Amino acid sequence: MPAYVNYLYDGSLAGFYCCVHRSVYGRELPQGIYPEAAAPQTLFPMKFIPADQERAGRVRASIPAKISPNALHVTETVFLSCLAAKERKLLDYLLLGYQEGKRLDRMLGREAVAPVLDAYKGFWRERHHLLGFIRFADYGGALVSVISPKNFVLPYLARHFVSRYGDENFMIYD
């Protein structure tokens, strides 16, 4: 199943799911999966995998059905993380999940599972940390905070602060 090819995609979650679809149904295991904007120079050929909402939707629906709802949550969280080579590691995680089903959630020591779960925990740890330590300053009637997170936690922070400061004008600058 290993193929001497790299996948290139648009950087979206739907695009990543299309890479998973191509790997599973094309029966090839790419050397790497890279967003178009961050593609490295390599000797292996690059194969562009276009985003297709229908295929992405089928892959997304298959994760809770064939693996577990938790695996879907982990996958979509780690996709927003700063894990190096996250796309390829998530592909390995999902391929193992398609083989093992619900047992994947208990395979904490497996090479395909451990780095993904570490990134998942790190993502939520950073979010929790920022919820407690974000401070706002008043700039002309608007509350402003500047943060520099490692992971893309802003969407998860925004929900909390919108419910907390719903009547205020505020901005969290990443």
Protein backbone atom coordinates (compact mmCIF):
# COMPACT_ATOMS: atom_id res chain seq x y z
CA MET A 1 0.00 0.00 0.00
CA PRO A 2 2.86 2.55 0.46
CA ALA A 3 3.07 4.89 -2.50
CA TYR A 4 5.91 7.16 -3.48
CA VAL A 5 3.66 10.17 -3.74
CA ASN A 6 2.68 13.15 -1.61
CA TYR A 7 -0.82 14.56 -1.43
CA LEU A 8 -1.38 18.25 -1.81
CA TYR A 9 -4.70 19.78 -0.75
CA ASP A 10 -6.27 23.19 -0.17
CA GLY A 11 -5.69 23.22 3.61
CA SER A 12 -9.35 22.82 4.56
CA LEU A 13 -10.84 20.06 6.70
CA ALA A 14 -12.96 19.00 3.73
CA GLY A 15 -9.81 18.82 1.62
CA PHE A 16 -8.13 16.66 4.25
CA TYR A 17 -11.12 14.31 4.33
CA CYS A 18 -10.82 14.01 0.53
CA CYS A 19 -7.17 12.97 1.02
CA VAL A 20 -8.36 10.26 3.42
CA HIS A 21 -10.93 9.17 0.83
CA ARG A 22 -8.26 9.00 -1.89
CA SER A 23 -5.93 7.00 0.34
CA VAL A 24 -8.60 4.48 1.36
CA TYR A 25 -10.30 4.00 -2.00
CA GLY A 26 -7.15 4.46 -4.09
CA ARG A 27 -5.36 1.95 -1.84
CA GLU A 28 -2.28 4.11 -1.52
CA LEU A 29 -0.49 5.43 1.51
CA PRO A 30 1.12 8.79 0.70
CA GLN A 31 4.51 9.72 2.09
CA GLY A 32 3.05 13.03 3.26
CA ILE A 33 -0.04 15.21 3.06
CA TYR A 34 0.56 18.94 2.76
CA PRO A 35 -1.57 22.05 2.49
CA GLU A 36 -0.93 23.79 -0.80
CA ALA A 37 0.49 26.88 0.94
CA ALA A 38 3.09 24.87 2.90
CA ALA A 39 4.21 22.27 0.37
CA PRO A 40 7.90 21.35 0.74
CA GLN A 41 10.31 20.65 -2.07
CA THR A 42 10.55 16.89 -2.45
CA LEU A 43 11.67 14.24 -4.88
CA PHE A 44 8.35 12.43 -4.59
CA PRO A 45 5.65 13.56 -7.00
CA MET A 46 2.87 15.76 -5.64
CA LYS A 47 -0.69 14.73 -6.38
CA PHE A 48 -3.29 17.47 -5.86
CA ILE A 49 -6.46 16.17 -4.21
CA PRO A 50 -9.33 18.62 -4.82
CA ALA A 51 -11.87 19.26 -2.09
CA ASP A 52 -15.22 17.66 -2.83
CA GLN A 53 -17.98 18.26 -0.29
CA GLU A 54 -19.74 14.97 -1.09
CA ARG A 55 -16.64 12.82 -0.56
CA ALA A 56 -15.64 14.82 2.51
CA GLY A 57 -19.13 14.35 3.94
CA ARG A 58 -18.99 10.59 3.39
CA VAL A 59 -15.61 10.33 5.14
CA ARG A 60 -16.80 12.54 8.01
CA ALA A 61 -19.96 10.42 8.42
CA SER A 62 -17.94 7.18 8.33
CA ILE A 63 -15.74 8.11 11.30
CA PRO A 64 -18.42 7.98 14.05
CA ALA A 65 -20.18 5.09 12.28
CA LYS A 66 -17.15 2.84 11.75
CA ILE A 67 -14.84 4.02 14.56
CA SER A 68 -16.49 6.18 17.24
CA PRO A 69 -17.94 9.65 17.81
CA ASN A 70 -14.87 10.36 19.97
CA ALA A 71 -12.57 9.63 17.01
CA LEU A 72 -14.39 12.30 14.99
CA HIS A 73 -13.99 14.82 17.82
CA VAL A 74 -10.29 13.95 18.17
CA THR A 75 -9.71 14.20 14.41
CA GLU A 76 -11.36 17.58 14.02
CA THR A 77 -9.63 18.99 17.10
CA VAL A 78 -6.16 17.76 16.13
CA PHE A 79 -6.68 19.17 12.64
CA LEU A 80 -6.65 22.60 14.33
CA SER A 81 -3.53 21.79 16.36
CA CYS A 82 0.13 22.59 15.76
CA LEU A 83 1.13 18.90 15.57
CA ALA A 84 3.93 18.49 13.03
CA ALA A 85 2.85 16.43 10.00
CA LYS A 86 -0.65 16.30 11.52
CA GLU A 87 -2.35 15.29 8.28
CA ARG A 88 -0.26 12.16 7.84
CA LYS A 89 -0.55 11.28 11.55
CA LEU A 90 -4.31 11.75 11.40
CA LEU A 91 -4.46 9.53 8.31
CA ASP A 92 -2.58 6.78 10.17
CA TYR A 93 -4.92 7.24 13.16
CA LEU A 94 -8.01 6.94 10.97
CA LEU A 95 -6.71 3.97 8.99
CA LEU A 96 -6.05 2.12 12.24
CA GLY A 97 -9.50 3.15 13.43
CA TYR A 98 -11.14 1.73 10.31
CA GLN A 99 -9.40 -1.58 11.08
CA GLU A 100 -10.00 -1.68 14.84
CA GLY A 101 -13.31 0.17 15.24
CA LYS A 102 -14.24 1.34 18.74
CA ARG A 103 -11.13 -0.28 20.21
CA LEU A 104 -9.12 2.64 18.81
CA ASP A 105 -10.15 4.78 21.81
CA ARG A 106 -8.34 2.34 24.13
CA MET A 107 -5.15 1.87 22.09
CA LEU A 108 -3.25 4.62 23.86
CA GLY A 109 0.23 3.19 23.30
CA ARG A 110 -0.03 2.53 19.57
CA GLU A 111 2.32 4.51 17.35
CA ALA A 112 -0.59 5.83 15.28
CA VAL A 113 -2.63 6.86 18.33
CA ALA A 114 -0.23 8.30 20.92
CA PRO A 115 0.93 11.47 19.07
CA VAL A 116 -2.62 12.29 17.99
CA LEU A 117 -3.97 11.97 21.54
CA ASP A 118 -1.04 14.00 22.91
CA ALA A 119 -1.85 16.80 20.44
CA TYR A 120 -5.54 16.55 21.38
CA LYS A 121 -4.77 16.93 25.08
CA GLY A 122 -2.33 19.77 24.39
CA PHE A 123 -4.94 21.62 22.35
CA TRP A 124 -7.52 21.49 25.16
CA ARG A 125 -4.89 22.29 27.80
CA GLU A 126 -3.94 25.44 25.88
CA ARG A 127 -7.58 26.44 25.48
CA HIS A 128 -8.21 25.98 29.20
CA HIS A 129 -5.08 27.95 30.04
CA LEU A 130 -6.09 30.86 27.79
CA LEU A 131 -9.63 30.93 29.20
CA GLY A 132 -8.12 31.64 32.60
CA PHE A 133 -5.42 34.07 31.56
CA ILE A 134 -6.85 36.23 28.78
CA ARG A 135 -7.09 39.80 29.99
CA PHE A 136 -8.85 42.59 28.14
CA ALA A 137 -7.87 46.25 27.96
CA ASP A 138 -10.30 49.05 27.17
CA TYR A 139 -9.51 50.80 23.87
CA GLY A 140 -12.08 53.49 23.15
CA GLY A 141 -15.03 51.53 24.50
CA ALA A 142 -13.98 48.15 23.07
CA LEU A 143 -12.36 45.39 25.06
CA VAL A 144 -9.25 44.08 23.29
CA SER A 145 -6.92 41.18 24.06
CA VAL A 146 -3.87 40.02 22.10
CA ILE A 147 -2.92 36.33 22.28
CA SER A 148 -0.32 34.12 20.60
CA PRO A 149 -1.52 30.54 20.90
CA LYS A 150 0.36 27.62 19.36
CA ASN A 151 -2.86 25.91 18.25
CA PHE A 152 -5.85 27.40 16.42
CA VAL A 153 -7.97 27.65 19.60
CA LEU A 154 -9.63 30.96 18.79
CA PRO A 155 -12.97 29.46 17.62
CA TYR A 156 -13.22 27.56 20.91
CA LEU A 157 -12.32 30.66 22.94
CA ALA A 158 -14.78 32.84 21.06
CA ARG A 159 -17.79 30.77 22.13
CA HIS A 160 -16.91 31.24 25.79
CA PHE A 161 -16.32 34.98 25.59
CA VAL A 162 -19.38 35.64 23.40
CA SER A 163 -21.57 34.04 26.06
CA ARG A 164 -19.71 35.88 28.84
CA TYR A 165 -19.41 39.33 27.22
CA GLY A 166 -22.37 39.19 24.85
CA ASP A 167 -23.36 42.82 25.44
CA GLU A 168 -19.82 44.20 25.09
CA ASN A 169 -17.78 45.17 22.06
CA PHE A 170 -14.68 43.00 22.29
CA MET A 171 -11.93 41.58 20.14
CA ILE A 172 -9.42 38.79 20.67
CA TYR A 173 -6.51 39.30 18.29
CA ASP A 174 -4.52 36.20 17.40
